Amino acid sequence: MPELTGDPNQHDISKFSEELTGNCLCGSIKVTIKDNELFTKPRGHLCHCANCRKVAGSYVASNLVIEEDKVKIDDAKGTLKEFVDTETMSGKPLSRFFCGTCGNPIKSVTPAYPGKIVVKMGMFPRIPQPEFESFALHRHPWQAQHAGVVQYKTRSFGEKMN
């Protein structure tokens, strides 16, 4: 039986003071984030839009909006694939990247964040505390609230929930 490795509490955040590395399910794609503020303040982003939920395969997507030059993607076996999502609320297509072997989501690139990318956080051993939620109007009624997390009704940095 393989060793259970999914417990984030087994990974002391002090190990990630300069960078955080994760990989897709099959190991073909390795992603490294170089940022010394990942765990010093809330940084993550939870998205409840239908498209992000589909990509995440869950009721919410755990993302990180970050400067593109802080992220290194090693695609050792050439499995990184792109899907151009044209069914967006803004009407502007965005690119969703995933591993063509295991299907693991890797990142999204959207015109809404010039010079930044949206890294899909499920592939990392620890995830930064979220600072905001987008499409909070689309939350399921049974979802718990996250104390101190800003909720935007729909688009990030748009109209806030009360």
N, C-alpha and C. Protein backbone atom coordinates (compact mmCIF):
# COMPACT_ATOMS: atom_id res chain seq x y z
N MET A 1 0.85 -1.18 0.00
CA MET A 1 0.00 0.00 0.00
C MET A 1 0.90 1.25 0.00
N PRO A 2 0.60 2.22 -0.87
CA PRO A 2 1.43 3.43 -0.90
C PRO A 2 1.26 4.26 0.36
N GLU A 3 2.29 5.03 0.68
CA GLU A 3 2.25 5.91 1.83
C GLU A 3 1.23 7.03 1.58
N LEU A 4 0.44 7.33 2.60
CA LEU A 4 -0.53 8.41 2.49
C LEU A 4 0.22 9.74 2.60
N THR A 5 0.06 10.61 1.59
CA THR A 5 0.82 11.85 1.56
C THR A 5 -0.05 13.09 1.50
N GLY A 6 -1.34 12.94 1.59
CA GLY A 6 -2.23 14.06 1.37
C GLY A 6 -2.46 14.99 2.54
N ASP A 7 -1.92 14.68 3.70
CA ASP A 7 -2.17 15.51 4.87
C ASP A 7 -1.31 16.77 4.83
N PRO A 8 -1.92 17.95 4.59
CA PRO A 8 -1.12 19.17 4.51
C PRO A 8 -0.42 19.50 5.82
N ASN A 9 -0.97 19.02 6.94
CA ASN A 9 -0.37 19.31 8.24
C ASN A 9 0.98 18.62 8.44
N GLN A 10 1.30 17.66 7.58
CA GLN A 10 2.61 17.00 7.63
C GLN A 10 3.70 17.86 6.99
N HIS A 11 3.31 18.97 6.38
CA HIS A 11 4.26 19.83 5.68
C HIS A 11 4.32 21.19 6.38
N ASP A 12 5.37 21.40 7.14
CA ASP A 12 5.55 22.66 7.85
C ASP A 12 5.70 23.80 6.85
N ILE A 13 4.92 24.87 7.03
CA ILE A 13 4.97 25.97 6.07
C ILE A 13 6.32 26.66 6.04
N SER A 14 7.12 26.50 7.06
CA SER A 14 8.46 27.12 7.04
C SER A 14 9.31 26.56 5.91
N LYS A 15 9.00 25.34 5.44
CA LYS A 15 9.73 24.76 4.30
C LYS A 15 9.44 25.50 3.01
N PHE A 16 8.39 26.32 3.00
CA PHE A 16 7.96 27.00 1.78
C PHE A 16 8.16 28.52 1.88
N SER A 17 9.13 28.94 2.65
CA SER A 17 9.34 30.37 2.86
C SER A 17 9.85 31.08 1.60
N GLU A 18 10.45 30.38 0.68
CA GLU A 18 10.96 30.97 -0.56
C GLU A 18 10.25 30.44 -1.80
N GLU A 19 9.88 29.15 -1.78
CA GLU A 19 9.22 28.57 -2.94
C GLU A 19 8.36 27.39 -2.55
N LEU A 20 7.42 27.09 -3.41
CA LEU A 20 6.49 25.99 -3.22
C LEU A 20 6.45 25.19 -4.51
N THR A 21 6.65 23.88 -4.41
CA THR A 21 6.67 23.02 -5.61
C THR A 21 5.61 21.94 -5.49
N GLY A 22 4.94 21.68 -6.61
CA GLY A 22 3.96 20.61 -6.69
C GLY A 22 3.99 20.02 -8.08
N ASN A 23 3.20 18.99 -8.29
CA ASN A 23 3.19 18.35 -9.60
C ASN A 23 1.82 17.77 -9.89
N CYS A 24 1.62 17.47 -11.17
CA CYS A 24 0.37 16.84 -11.58
C CYS A 24 0.33 15.41 -11.05
N LEU A 25 -0.80 14.77 -11.20
CA LEU A 25 -1.01 13.43 -10.65
C LEU A 25 -0.02 12.41 -11.19
N CYS A 26 0.30 12.47 -12.48
CA CYS A 26 1.23 11.49 -13.06
C CYS A 26 2.69 11.90 -12.91
N GLY A 27 2.94 13.14 -12.48
CA GLY A 27 4.31 13.60 -12.25
C GLY A 27 5.00 14.18 -13.47
N SER A 28 4.32 14.24 -14.59
CA SER A 28 4.93 14.76 -15.82
C SER A 28 5.20 16.26 -15.76
N ILE A 29 4.31 17.00 -15.08
CA ILE A 29 4.44 18.46 -15.01
C ILE A 29 4.73 18.87 -13.58
N LYS A 30 5.80 19.66 -13.40
CA LYS A 30 6.18 20.18 -12.09
C LYS A 30 6.02 21.69 -12.13
N VAL A 31 5.40 22.24 -11.10
CA VAL A 31 5.16 23.67 -11.00
C VAL A 31 5.84 24.19 -9.74
N THR A 32 6.64 25.25 -9.90
CA THR A 32 7.32 25.87 -8.77
C THR A 32 6.93 27.34 -8.71
N ILE A 33 6.47 27.76 -7.54
CA ILE A 33 6.12 29.16 -7.30
C ILE A 33 7.22 29.73 -6.41
N LYS A 34 7.86 30.80 -6.89
CA LYS A 34 8.89 31.48 -6.10
C LYS A 34 8.30 32.78 -5.58
N ASP A 35 7.94 32.76 -4.30
CA ASP A 35 7.33 33.93 -3.68
C ASP A 35 7.47 33.76 -2.17
N ASN A 36 8.11 34.72 -1.52
CA ASN A 36 8.33 34.58 -0.08
C ASN A 36 7.15 35.07 0.77
N GLU A 37 6.03 35.40 0.14
CA GLU A 37 4.85 35.84 0.89
C GLU A 37 3.68 34.88 0.79
N LEU A 38 3.91 33.68 0.29
CA LEU A 38 2.80 32.74 0.11
C LEU A 38 2.09 32.41 1.42
N PHE A 39 2.85 32.33 2.51
CA PHE A 39 2.25 31.93 3.78
C PHE A 39 2.41 32.98 4.87
N THR A 40 2.77 34.20 4.49
CA THR A 40 2.90 35.27 5.49
C THR A 40 1.63 36.09 5.61
N LYS A 41 0.74 35.96 4.64
CA LYS A 41 -0.54 36.66 4.64
C LYS A 41 -1.48 35.88 3.74
N PRO A 42 -2.79 36.13 3.83
CA PRO A 42 -3.73 35.43 2.94
C PRO A 42 -3.40 35.76 1.48
N ARG A 43 -3.36 34.72 0.63
CA ARG A 43 -3.00 34.90 -0.78
C ARG A 43 -3.90 34.14 -1.74
N GLY A 44 -4.54 33.11 -1.29
CA GLY A 44 -5.30 32.25 -2.19
C GLY A 44 -6.60 32.88 -2.65
N HIS A 45 -7.28 32.16 -3.52
CA HIS A 45 -8.51 32.63 -4.15
C HIS A 45 -9.41 31.42 -4.37
N LEU A 46 -10.60 31.48 -3.84
CA LEU A 46 -11.58 30.42 -4.06
C LEU A 46 -12.58 30.91 -5.10
N CYS A 47 -12.79 30.13 -6.14
CA CYS A 47 -13.72 30.54 -7.20
C CYS A 47 -14.88 29.56 -7.27
N HIS A 48 -16.09 30.13 -7.29
CA HIS A 48 -17.31 29.33 -7.32
C HIS A 48 -18.00 29.38 -8.68
N CYS A 49 -17.35 29.95 -9.71
CA CYS A 49 -18.00 29.99 -11.02
C CYS A 49 -18.12 28.56 -11.57
N ALA A 50 -19.09 28.35 -12.42
CA ALA A 50 -19.36 27.01 -12.95
C ALA A 50 -18.15 26.42 -13.68
N ASN A 51 -17.45 27.23 -14.45
CA ASN A 51 -16.32 26.71 -15.22
C ASN A 51 -15.16 26.29 -14.32
N CYS A 52 -14.84 27.09 -13.32
CA CYS A 52 -13.76 26.71 -12.39
C CYS A 52 -14.15 25.48 -11.58
N ARG A 53 -15.42 25.38 -11.21
CA ARG A 53 -15.87 24.18 -10.48
C ARG A 53 -15.71 22.94 -11.35
N LYS A 54 -16.03 23.07 -12.64
CA LYS A 54 -15.87 21.92 -13.54
C LYS A 54 -14.41 21.51 -13.66
N VAL A 55 -13.55 22.49 -13.83
CA VAL A 55 -12.11 22.21 -13.96
C VAL A 55 -11.59 21.56 -12.68
N ALA A 56 -12.05 22.05 -11.52
CA ALA A 56 -11.59 21.52 -10.24
C ALA A 56 -12.22 20.17 -9.91
N GLY A 57 -13.37 19.89 -10.51
CA GLY A 57 -14.08 18.65 -10.17
C GLY A 57 -14.62 18.71 -8.76
N SER A 58 -14.98 19.91 -8.31
CA SER A 58 -15.42 20.09 -6.94
C SER A 58 -16.41 21.25 -6.85
N TYR A 59 -16.87 21.53 -5.64
CA TYR A 59 -17.82 22.62 -5.44
C TYR A 59 -17.15 23.99 -5.44
N VAL A 60 -15.83 24.02 -5.40
CA VAL A 60 -15.07 25.27 -5.43
C VAL A 60 -13.68 24.97 -5.99
N ALA A 61 -13.10 25.95 -6.65
CA ALA A 61 -11.73 25.81 -7.15
C ALA A 61 -10.79 26.61 -6.25
N SER A 62 -9.68 26.00 -5.87
CA SER A 62 -8.66 26.69 -5.08
C SER A 62 -7.58 27.18 -6.04
N ASN A 63 -7.46 28.50 -6.13
CA ASN A 63 -6.56 29.13 -7.10
C ASN A 63 -5.60 30.09 -6.42
N LEU A 64 -4.62 30.52 -7.18
CA LEU A 64 -3.72 31.59 -6.75
C LEU A 64 -3.45 32.48 -7.95
N VAL A 65 -3.86 33.73 -7.87
CA VAL A 65 -3.56 34.71 -8.91
C VAL A 65 -2.20 35.28 -8.57
N ILE A 66 -1.23 35.13 -9.49
CA ILE A 66 0.14 35.51 -9.19
C ILE A 66 0.86 35.97 -10.46
N GLU A 67 1.88 36.78 -10.27
CA GLU A 67 2.68 37.25 -11.40
C GLU A 67 3.29 36.06 -12.13
N GLU A 68 3.18 36.09 -13.45
CA GLU A 68 3.65 34.97 -14.28
C GLU A 68 5.14 34.68 -14.08
N ASP A 69 5.94 35.72 -13.86
CA ASP A 69 7.38 35.49 -13.72
C ASP A 69 7.77 34.84 -12.39
N LYS A 70 6.81 34.64 -11.48
CA LYS A 70 7.08 33.95 -10.22
C LYS A 70 6.79 32.46 -10.31
N VAL A 71 6.34 32.01 -11.48
CA VAL A 71 5.95 30.61 -11.65
C VAL A 71 6.78 29.96 -12.74
N LYS A 72 7.33 28.80 -12.42
CA LYS A 72 8.09 28.01 -13.40
C LYS A 72 7.35 26.69 -13.60
N ILE A 73 7.08 26.38 -14.86
CA ILE A 73 6.41 25.12 -15.18
C ILE A 73 7.37 24.26 -15.99
N ASP A 74 7.71 23.09 -15.44
CA ASP A 74 8.56 22.12 -16.13
C ASP A 74 7.66 21.03 -16.69
N ASP A 75 7.63 20.93 -18.01
CA ASP A 75 6.80 19.96 -18.71
C ASP A 75 7.71 18.89 -19.30
N ALA A 76 8.25 18.03 -18.45
CA ALA A 76 9.28 17.07 -18.82
C ALA A 76 8.90 16.16 -19.98
N LYS A 77 7.65 15.76 -20.06
CA LYS A 77 7.23 14.81 -21.10
C LYS A 77 6.36 15.45 -22.18
N GLY A 78 6.27 16.79 -22.16
CA GLY A 78 5.49 17.48 -23.19
C GLY A 78 4.00 17.19 -23.12
N THR A 79 3.46 17.06 -21.92
CA THR A 79 2.05 16.70 -21.79
C THR A 79 1.13 17.90 -21.51
N LEU A 80 1.68 19.11 -21.37
CA LEU A 80 0.85 20.28 -21.09
C LEU A 80 -0.03 20.59 -22.30
N LYS A 81 -1.32 20.62 -22.08
CA LYS A 81 -2.30 20.88 -23.14
C LYS A 81 -3.10 22.13 -22.79
N GLU A 82 -3.67 22.75 -23.82
CA GLU A 82 -4.45 23.97 -23.63
C GLU A 82 -5.87 23.77 -24.14
N PHE A 83 -6.83 24.26 -23.35
CA PHE A 83 -8.22 24.32 -23.76
C PHE A 83 -8.62 25.79 -23.73
N VAL A 84 -9.12 26.32 -24.83
CA VAL A 84 -9.56 27.71 -24.88
C VAL A 84 -11.04 27.74 -24.50
N ASP A 85 -11.31 28.32 -23.35
CA ASP A 85 -12.66 28.41 -22.80
C ASP A 85 -13.32 29.69 -23.32
N THR A 86 -14.30 29.54 -24.18
CA THR A 86 -14.99 30.69 -24.77
C THR A 86 -16.30 31.01 -24.05
N GLU A 87 -16.74 30.14 -23.16
CA GLU A 87 -18.00 30.33 -22.44
C GLU A 87 -17.75 31.02 -21.11
N THR A 88 -17.27 32.26 -21.17
CA THR A 88 -16.93 33.00 -19.95
C THR A 88 -17.92 34.14 -19.74
N MET A 89 -18.03 34.58 -18.51
CA MET A 89 -18.95 35.67 -18.19
C MET A 89 -18.55 36.96 -18.89
N SER A 90 -17.26 37.18 -19.02
CA SER A 90 -16.78 38.42 -19.66
C SER A 90 -16.94 38.38 -21.17
N GLY A 91 -17.11 37.19 -21.73
CA GLY A 91 -17.18 37.05 -23.18
C GLY A 91 -15.80 36.97 -23.82
N LYS A 92 -14.75 37.12 -23.00
CA LYS A 92 -13.39 37.03 -23.51
C LYS A 92 -12.85 35.63 -23.22
N PRO A 93 -12.32 34.95 -24.22
CA PRO A 93 -11.80 33.61 -23.99
C PRO A 93 -10.63 33.62 -23.01
N LEU A 94 -10.51 32.52 -22.29
CA LEU A 94 -9.34 32.33 -21.44
C LEU A 94 -8.79 30.94 -21.70
N SER A 95 -7.50 30.80 -21.47
CA SER A 95 -6.83 29.52 -21.72
C SER A 95 -6.72 28.75 -20.42
N ARG A 96 -7.13 27.49 -20.47
CA ARG A 96 -7.03 26.59 -19.32
C ARG A 96 -6.04 25.49 -19.70
N PHE A 97 -5.00 25.35 -18.91
CA PHE A 97 -3.94 24.39 -19.19
C PHE A 97 -4.05 23.21 -18.22
N PHE A 98 -3.78 22.02 -18.75
CA PHE A 98 -3.90 20.79 -17.96
C PHE A 98 -2.93 19.76 -18.49
N CYS A 99 -2.69 18.72 -17.71
CA CYS A 99 -1.84 17.62 -18.16
C CYS A 99 -2.65 16.72 -19.07
N GLY A 100 -2.15 16.48 -20.28
CA GLY A 100 -2.83 15.64 -21.25
C GLY A 100 -2.81 14.17 -20.90
N THR A 101 -1.98 13.76 -19.94
CA THR A 101 -1.93 12.36 -19.53
C THR A 101 -2.90 12.08 -18.39
N CYS A 102 -2.80 12.85 -17.30
CA CYS A 102 -3.64 12.57 -16.12
C CYS A 102 -4.83 13.52 -15.97
N GLY A 103 -4.86 14.60 -16.76
CA GLY A 103 -5.98 15.54 -16.71
C GLY A 103 -5.90 16.59 -15.61
N ASN A 104 -4.85 16.55 -14.83
CA ASN A 104 -4.70 17.50 -13.71
C ASN A 104 -4.68 18.94 -14.22
N PRO A 105 -5.55 19.83 -13.67
CA PRO A 105 -5.48 21.23 -14.06
C PRO A 105 -4.19 21.87 -13.54
N ILE A 106 -3.58 22.74 -14.34
CA ILE A 106 -2.31 23.36 -13.99
C ILE A 106 -2.45 24.86 -13.79
N LYS A 107 -2.99 25.56 -14.78
CA LYS A 107 -3.12 27.02 -14.69
C LYS A 107 -4.17 27.50 -15.67
N SER A 108 -4.57 28.75 -15.48
CA SER A 108 -5.42 29.46 -16.44
C SER A 108 -4.75 30.79 -16.74
N VAL A 109 -4.96 31.26 -17.95
CA VAL A 109 -4.45 32.57 -18.36
C VAL A 109 -5.65 33.35 -18.89
N THR A 110 -5.90 34.50 -18.27
CA THR A 110 -7.06 35.29 -18.63
C THR A 110 -6.68 36.74 -18.91
N PRO A 111 -7.34 37.38 -19.88
CA PRO A 111 -7.07 38.79 -20.14
C PRO A 111 -7.44 39.69 -18.96
N ALA A 112 -8.22 39.17 -18.02
CA ALA A 112 -8.61 39.96 -16.84
C ALA A 112 -7.42 40.25 -15.93
N TYR A 113 -6.36 39.44 -16.02
CA TYR A 113 -5.17 39.61 -15.17
C TYR A 113 -3.92 39.70 -16.03
N PRO A 114 -3.68 40.82 -16.69
CA PRO A 114 -2.48 40.94 -17.54
C PRO A 114 -1.21 40.76 -16.72
N GLY A 115 -0.29 39.94 -17.25
CA GLY A 115 0.98 39.68 -16.57
C GLY A 115 0.89 38.69 -15.43
N LYS A 116 -0.32 38.16 -15.20
CA LYS A 116 -0.51 37.20 -14.11
C LYS A 116 -1.12 35.92 -14.67
N ILE A 117 -1.01 34.86 -13.88
CA ILE A 117 -1.66 33.61 -14.21
C ILE A 117 -2.44 33.13 -12.99
N VAL A 118 -3.34 32.21 -13.22
CA VAL A 118 -4.13 31.61 -12.15
C VAL A 118 -3.64 30.18 -11.99
N VAL A 119 -2.89 29.93 -10.93
CA VAL A 119 -2.34 28.60 -10.67
C VAL A 119 -3.38 27.78 -9.91
N LYS A 120 -3.58 26.55 -10.35
CA LYS A 120 -4.52 25.63 -9.70
C LYS A 120 -3.80 24.96 -8.53
N MET A 121 -4.28 25.19 -7.32
CA MET A 121 -3.52 24.88 -6.12
C MET A 121 -3.62 23.44 -5.61
N GLY A 122 -4.50 22.62 -6.16
CA GLY A 122 -4.65 21.26 -5.67
C GLY A 122 -3.43 20.38 -5.81
N MET A 123 -2.47 20.79 -6.62
CA MET A 123 -1.28 19.95 -6.84
C MET A 123 -0.15 20.21 -5.84
N PHE A 124 -0.37 21.12 -4.89
CA PHE A 124 0.68 21.48 -3.95
C PHE A 124 0.44 20.85 -2.58
N PRO A 125 1.52 20.62 -1.81
CA PRO A 125 1.37 20.00 -0.50
C PRO A 125 0.66 20.89 0.52
N ARG A 126 0.80 22.20 0.38
CA ARG A 126 0.11 23.17 1.24
C ARG A 126 -0.50 24.24 0.34
N ILE A 127 -1.61 24.81 0.78
CA ILE A 127 -2.29 25.85 0.02
C ILE A 127 -2.38 27.09 0.89
N PRO A 128 -2.01 28.25 0.34
CA PRO A 128 -2.12 29.48 1.13
C PRO A 128 -3.56 29.76 1.54
N GLN A 129 -3.71 30.40 2.68
CA GLN A 129 -5.03 30.81 3.15
C GLN A 129 -5.66 31.74 2.12
N PRO A 130 -6.93 31.53 1.80
CA PRO A 130 -7.55 32.40 0.80
C PRO A 130 -7.75 33.82 1.33
N GLU A 131 -7.58 34.78 0.42
CA GLU A 131 -7.85 36.17 0.76
C GLU A 131 -9.22 36.60 0.24
N PHE A 132 -9.71 35.92 -0.82
CA PHE A 132 -11.03 36.28 -1.34
C PHE A 132 -11.67 35.11 -2.06
N GLU A 133 -12.99 35.26 -2.24
CA GLU A 133 -13.79 34.31 -3.02
C GLU A 133 -14.47 35.09 -4.13
N SER A 134 -14.47 34.52 -5.32
CA SER A 134 -15.22 35.12 -6.42
C SER A 134 -16.44 34.25 -6.71
N PHE A 135 -17.44 34.86 -7.32
CA PHE A 135 -18.72 34.21 -7.60
C PHE A 135 -19.35 33.64 -6.32
N ALA A 136 -19.23 34.42 -5.23
CA ALA A 136 -19.78 33.98 -3.94
C ALA A 136 -21.30 33.81 -4.00
N LEU A 137 -21.96 34.50 -4.94
CA LEU A 137 -23.40 34.30 -5.11
C LEU A 137 -23.72 32.87 -5.56
N HIS A 138 -22.72 32.18 -6.09
CA HIS A 138 -22.92 30.82 -6.60
C HIS A 138 -22.53 29.74 -5.58
N ARG A 139 -22.28 30.15 -4.34
CA ARG A 139 -21.95 29.18 -3.28
C ARG A 139 -23.17 28.31 -2.99
N HIS A 140 -22.92 27.10 -2.58
CA HIS A 140 -24.01 26.22 -2.13
C HIS A 140 -24.42 26.65 -0.72
N PRO A 141 -25.69 26.55 -0.40
CA PRO A 141 -26.14 27.02 0.92
C PRO A 141 -25.52 26.25 2.09
N TRP A 142 -25.02 25.05 1.87
CA TRP A 142 -24.44 24.26 2.95
C TRP A 142 -22.96 24.56 3.19
N GLN A 143 -22.36 25.39 2.34
CA GLN A 143 -20.94 25.71 2.51
C GLN A 143 -20.71 26.60 3.73
N ALA A 144 -19.66 26.30 4.45
CA ALA A 144 -19.29 27.11 5.61
C ALA A 144 -18.67 28.43 5.15
N GLN A 145 -18.77 29.43 5.98
CA GLN A 145 -18.15 30.72 5.71
C GLN A 145 -16.70 30.67 6.19
N HIS A 146 -15.85 31.41 5.51
CA HIS A 146 -14.44 31.50 5.90
C HIS A 146 -14.22 32.87 6.53
N ALA A 147 -13.90 32.89 7.79
CA ALA A 147 -13.72 34.15 8.52
C ALA A 147 -12.62 34.99 7.88
N GLY A 148 -12.91 36.27 7.69
CA GLY A 148 -11.91 37.20 7.19
C GLY A 148 -11.66 37.15 5.69
N VAL A 149 -12.39 36.31 4.97
CA VAL A 149 -12.21 36.17 3.54
C VAL A 149 -13.22 37.06 2.82
N VAL A 150 -12.74 37.98 1.99
CA VAL A 150 -13.61 38.88 1.24
C VAL A 150 -14.38 38.08 0.20
N GLN A 151 -15.66 38.35 0.08
CA GLN A 151 -16.48 37.66 -0.91
C GLN A 151 -16.96 38.67 -1.95
N TYR A 152 -16.69 38.36 -3.21
CA TYR A 152 -17.19 39.17 -4.32
C TYR A 152 -18.39 38.45 -4.91
N LYS A 153 -19.45 39.20 -5.20
CA LYS A 153 -20.67 38.59 -5.72
C LYS A 153 -20.39 37.74 -6.94
N THR A 154 -19.67 38.30 -7.89
CA THR A 154 -19.30 37.54 -9.08
C THR A 154 -17.81 37.73 -9.33
N ARG A 155 -17.46 38.66 -10.18
CA ARG A 155 -16.06 38.84 -10.59
C ARG A 155 -15.15 39.27 -9.44
N SER A 156 -13.93 38.78 -9.49
CA SER A 156 -12.91 39.19 -8.52
C SER A 156 -12.75 40.70 -8.55
N PHE A 157 -12.68 41.30 -7.39
CA PHE A 157 -12.47 42.74 -7.20
C PHE A 157 -13.64 43.58 -7.69
N GLY A 158 -14.79 42.94 -7.91
CA GLY A 158 -16.00 43.66 -8.29
C GLY A 158 -16.82 44.00 -7.06
N GLU A 159 -18.15 43.89 -7.20
CA GLU A 159 -19.04 44.23 -6.10
C GLU A 159 -18.93 43.17 -4.99
N LYS A 160 -18.77 43.66 -3.75
CA LYS A 160 -18.62 42.75 -2.61
C LYS A 160 -19.99 42.35 -2.06
N MET A 161 -19.99 41.20 -1.40
CA MET A 161 -21.19 40.75 -0.68
C MET A 161 -21.31 41.60 0.58
N ASN A 162 -22.48 41.65 1.16
CA ASN A 162 -22.68 42.42 2.40
C ASN A 162 -22.04 41.74 3.57
